[in-house]
Protein backbone atom coordinates (compact mmCIF):
# COMPACT_ATOMS: atom_id res chain seq x y z
CA MET A 1 16.59 -1.72 15.10
CA ARG A 2 15.97 -3.66 11.85
CA LYS A 3 15.21 -6.77 13.91
CA LEU A 4 12.63 -4.80 15.89
CA PHE A 5 11.10 -3.39 12.69
CA ASP A 6 10.78 -6.85 11.18
CA ALA A 7 9.45 -8.35 14.41
CA GLY A 8 6.95 -5.50 14.78
CA MET A 9 5.63 -6.13 11.29
CA ARG A 10 5.28 -9.86 11.95
CA VAL A 11 3.54 -9.35 15.30
CA PHE A 12 1.23 -6.61 13.99
CA ALA A 13 0.36 -8.91 11.08
CA SER A 14 -0.39 -11.96 13.21
CA ARG A 15 -2.00 -10.37 16.26
CA GLY A 16 -3.27 -7.05 14.93
CA TYR A 17 -2.03 -3.70 16.14
CA HIS A 18 -4.26 -3.44 19.23
CA ALA A 19 -3.58 -6.97 20.50
CA ALA A 20 0.17 -6.72 19.92
CA ARG A 21 2.28 -6.13 23.01
CA VAL A 22 5.85 -4.92 23.37
CA ASP A 23 6.59 -8.27 25.00
CA ASP A 24 5.44 -10.07 21.81
CA ILE A 25 7.64 -7.86 19.65
CA VAL A 26 10.68 -8.31 21.88
CA ARG A 27 10.21 -12.07 21.88
CA ALA A 28 9.81 -12.18 18.09
CA ALA A 29 12.95 -10.04 17.67
CA ARG A 30 14.84 -12.21 20.16
CA THR A 31 16.02 -9.15 22.00
CA SER A 32 15.45 -7.49 25.35
CA HIS A 33 12.95 -4.93 26.55
CA GLY A 34 15.92 -2.64 27.19
CA THR A 35 16.90 -2.82 23.55
CA PHE A 36 13.33 -2.09 22.47
CA TYR A 37 13.11 0.96 24.74
CA LEU A 38 16.50 2.17 23.56
CA TYR A 39 14.91 2.81 20.15
CA PHE A 40 11.18 3.20 20.84
CA ALA A 41 9.12 4.65 23.68
CA SER A 42 6.15 2.35 22.97
CA LYS A 43 4.56 0.13 20.33
CA GLU A 44 2.92 3.32 19.00
CA ASP A 45 6.38 4.78 18.53
CA LEU A 46 7.45 1.65 16.62
CA LEU A 47 4.34 1.90 14.44
CA ARG A 48 5.11 5.57 13.78
CA ALA A 49 8.64 4.66 12.60
CA LEU A 50 7.24 1.92 10.37
CA ALA A 51 4.62 4.34 9.04
CA VAL A 52 7.30 6.86 8.10
CA ASP A 53 9.17 4.16 6.15
CA CYS A 54 5.97 2.98 4.49
CA ALA A 55 4.86 6.49 3.56
CA GLU A 56 8.27 7.25 2.03
CA ASP A 57 8.13 4.05 -0.04
CA LEU A 58 4.56 4.76 -1.21
CA ALA A 59 5.35 8.37 -2.08
CA GLY A 60 8.39 7.17 -4.02
CA LEU A 61 6.18 4.65 -5.76
CA ALA A 62 3.91 7.45 -6.98
CA ASP A 63 6.90 9.04 -8.67
CA THR A 64 7.56 5.87 -10.68
CA ILE A 65 4.23 5.83 -12.52
CA GLY A 66 4.95 6.60 -16.15
CA PRO A 67 2.41 7.35 -18.87
CA ILE A 68 -0.42 4.81 -19.01
CA THR A 69 -1.59 5.06 -22.58
CA PRO A 70 -4.48 2.94 -23.93
CA ASP A 71 -2.04 0.80 -25.96
CA ASP A 72 0.12 -2.20 -25.01
CA GLU A 73 2.93 0.04 -23.80
CA GLY A 74 0.52 1.67 -21.34
CA PHE A 75 -0.69 -1.76 -20.23
CA GLN A 76 2.91 -2.80 -19.48
CA GLU A 77 3.55 0.43 -17.54
CA LEU A 78 0.38 -0.13 -15.49
CA ARG A 79 1.23 -3.78 -14.84
CA ALA A 80 4.75 -2.84 -13.68
CA PHE A 81 3.32 -0.21 -11.31
CA LEU A 82 0.82 -2.72 -9.92
CA GLY A 83 3.64 -5.20 -9.28
CA ARG A 84 5.53 -2.56 -7.31
CA PHE A 85 2.37 -1.53 -5.45
CA PHE A 86 1.57 -5.10 -4.42
CA ALA A 87 5.14 -5.71 -3.27
CA THR A 88 5.02 -2.56 -1.15
CA TYR A 89 1.62 -3.51 0.26
CA GLU A 90 2.81 -6.99 1.11
CA ARG A 91 5.83 -5.57 2.93
CA TYR A 92 3.88 -2.92 4.87
CA GLY A 93 0.44 -4.53 5.06
CA PRO A 94 0.09 -4.28 8.85
CA VAL A 95 0.90 -0.56 8.79
CA ILE A 96 -1.45 0.12 5.90
CA ARG A 97 -4.24 -1.86 7.59
CA ALA A 98 -3.73 0.18 10.78
CA TRP A 99 -4.23 3.32 8.65
CA MET A 100 -7.21 2.05 6.69
CA GLU A 101 -9.01 0.55 9.65
CA ASP A 102 -8.43 3.65 11.81
CA GLN A 103 -6.69 1.60 14.50
CA VAL A 104 -4.29 4.37 15.46
CA ALA A 105 -5.24 7.30 17.64
CA ASP A 106 -2.16 9.22 16.45
CA ARG A 107 -3.32 11.71 13.80
CA GLU A 108 0.29 12.21 12.61
CA ILE A 109 0.47 8.55 11.61
CA ASP A 110 -2.91 8.80 9.86
CA ARG A 111 -1.77 11.90 7.95
CA LEU A 112 1.27 10.00 6.66
CA GLY A 113 -1.01 7.34 5.19
CA VAL A 114 -3.42 9.81 3.66
CA LYS A 115 -0.58 11.81 2.13
CA ALA A 116 1.10 8.70 0.67
CA PHE A 117 -2.08 7.28 -0.85
CA THR A 118 -3.07 10.73 -2.12
CA ALA A 119 0.26 11.00 -3.94
CA ILE A 120 -0.43 7.73 -5.75
CA GLY A 121 -4.05 8.68 -6.47
CA THR A 122 -3.05 12.09 -7.78
CA GLN A 123 -0.49 10.58 -10.12
CA LEU A 124 -2.95 7.95 -11.38
CA GLY A 125 -5.58 10.66 -11.92
CA GLU A 126 -3.09 12.68 -13.93
CA ARG A 127 -2.30 9.58 -16.01
CA MET A 128 -6.03 9.04 -16.64
CA ARG A 129 -6.37 12.64 -17.82
CA GLU A 130 -3.35 12.27 -20.12
CA ALA A 131 -4.80 9.06 -21.58
CA GLY A 132 -8.01 10.92 -22.47
CA SER A 133 -10.04 8.44 -20.49
CA GLY A 134 -13.74 9.17 -20.18
CA VAL A 135 -13.60 8.51 -16.43
CA ALA A 136 -11.25 11.47 -16.10
CA ASP A 137 -14.37 13.66 -16.47
CA ASN A 138 -15.12 12.83 -12.85
CA GLN A 139 -11.56 12.30 -11.72
CA VAL A 140 -12.31 12.47 -8.00
CA ALA A 141 -14.77 9.59 -8.21
CA ALA A 142 -12.57 7.60 -10.59
CA VAL A 143 -9.46 7.96 -8.45
CA GLY A 144 -11.41 7.16 -5.28
CA ALA A 145 -12.86 4.00 -6.84
CA LEU A 146 -9.49 2.91 -8.21
CA MET A 147 -7.63 3.49 -4.94
CA ALA A 148 -10.33 1.69 -2.93
CA MET A 149 -10.15 -1.25 -5.32
CA LEU A 150 -6.36 -1.39 -5.16
CA GLU A 151 -6.24 -1.20 -1.37
CA ARG A 152 -8.95 -3.80 -0.70
CA PHE A 153 -7.67 -6.18 -3.36
CA SER A 154 -4.13 -5.82 -2.00
CA TYR A 155 -5.45 -6.54 1.48
CA ALA A 156 -7.20 -9.70 0.27
CA VAL A 157 -4.05 -10.92 -1.47
CA ALA A 158 -1.65 -10.00 1.36
CA SER A 159 -3.89 -11.60 4.00
CA ARG A 160 -4.19 -14.73 1.83
CA ARG A 161 -7.97 -14.41 1.59
CA ILE A 162 -7.44 -14.68 -2.15
CA VAL A 163 -4.64 -16.93 -3.33
CA LEU A 164 -3.66 -16.30 -6.93
CA ASP A 165 -0.77 -16.86 -9.26
CA GLN A 166 1.17 -13.55 -9.22
CA ASP A 167 1.40 -13.21 -13.02
CA ALA A 168 -2.25 -14.10 -13.59
CA MET A 169 -3.31 -11.66 -10.86
CA LEU A 170 -1.24 -8.80 -12.30
CA ASP A 171 -2.40 -9.50 -15.86
CA THR A 172 -6.06 -9.61 -14.88
CA LEU A 173 -6.02 -6.58 -12.61
CA ALA A 174 -4.00 -4.55 -15.10
CA LEU A 175 -6.47 -5.47 -17.84
CA VAL A 176 -9.50 -4.45 -15.76
CA ILE A 177 -7.92 -1.16 -14.71
CA HIS A 178 -6.49 -0.43 -18.14
CA ARG A 179 -9.88 -0.84 -19.81
CA GLY A 180 -12.01 0.64 -17.06
CA PHE A 181 -9.88 3.63 -16.08
CA PHE A 182 -7.55 4.32 -19.00
CA GLY A 183 -9.80 3.72 -22.01
CA ALA A 184 -7.97 0.74 -23.44
CA PRO A 185 -9.91 -1.02 -26.21
CA THR A 186 -11.23 -4.54 -25.77
CA ARG A 187 -8.61 -6.97 -27.03
């Protein structure tokens, strides 16, 4: 099953969800159609299983966000969270793109994505409020802007549209978010 999961992610990444075929996934996994259908009824069923894994990882990620204070300690907490977020996005990019680009007709799969991203957004909004950030006055707009920025930037990095040194990327993004959303002073 792990081989099929990994092959599904590779095929969805290279071909896109709609263009991917079970035959492509089976070939990439170096297994048979019989093995595929032992575990999954269709490519949609495989995507659903991947989406459940992804949603669990993202929801767990939300629980790891500690206080993001306007000081250096808060910067380090934010940077560590961003590192975990990018790693998760890189691993599950094809699933997240299927959610974000509304490629899936299955509303259950879509709900998993919305719930997972909402958990992260809610936690970040709470951290903004705790930090006394001015943007917390309109938390809905601030969280929406931050989550949109994180998702699109993660997409650009994972799809190699932007190629950056990992440390420089995390430092820069953490600095922008820390100042813009958490009220950190200019250094």
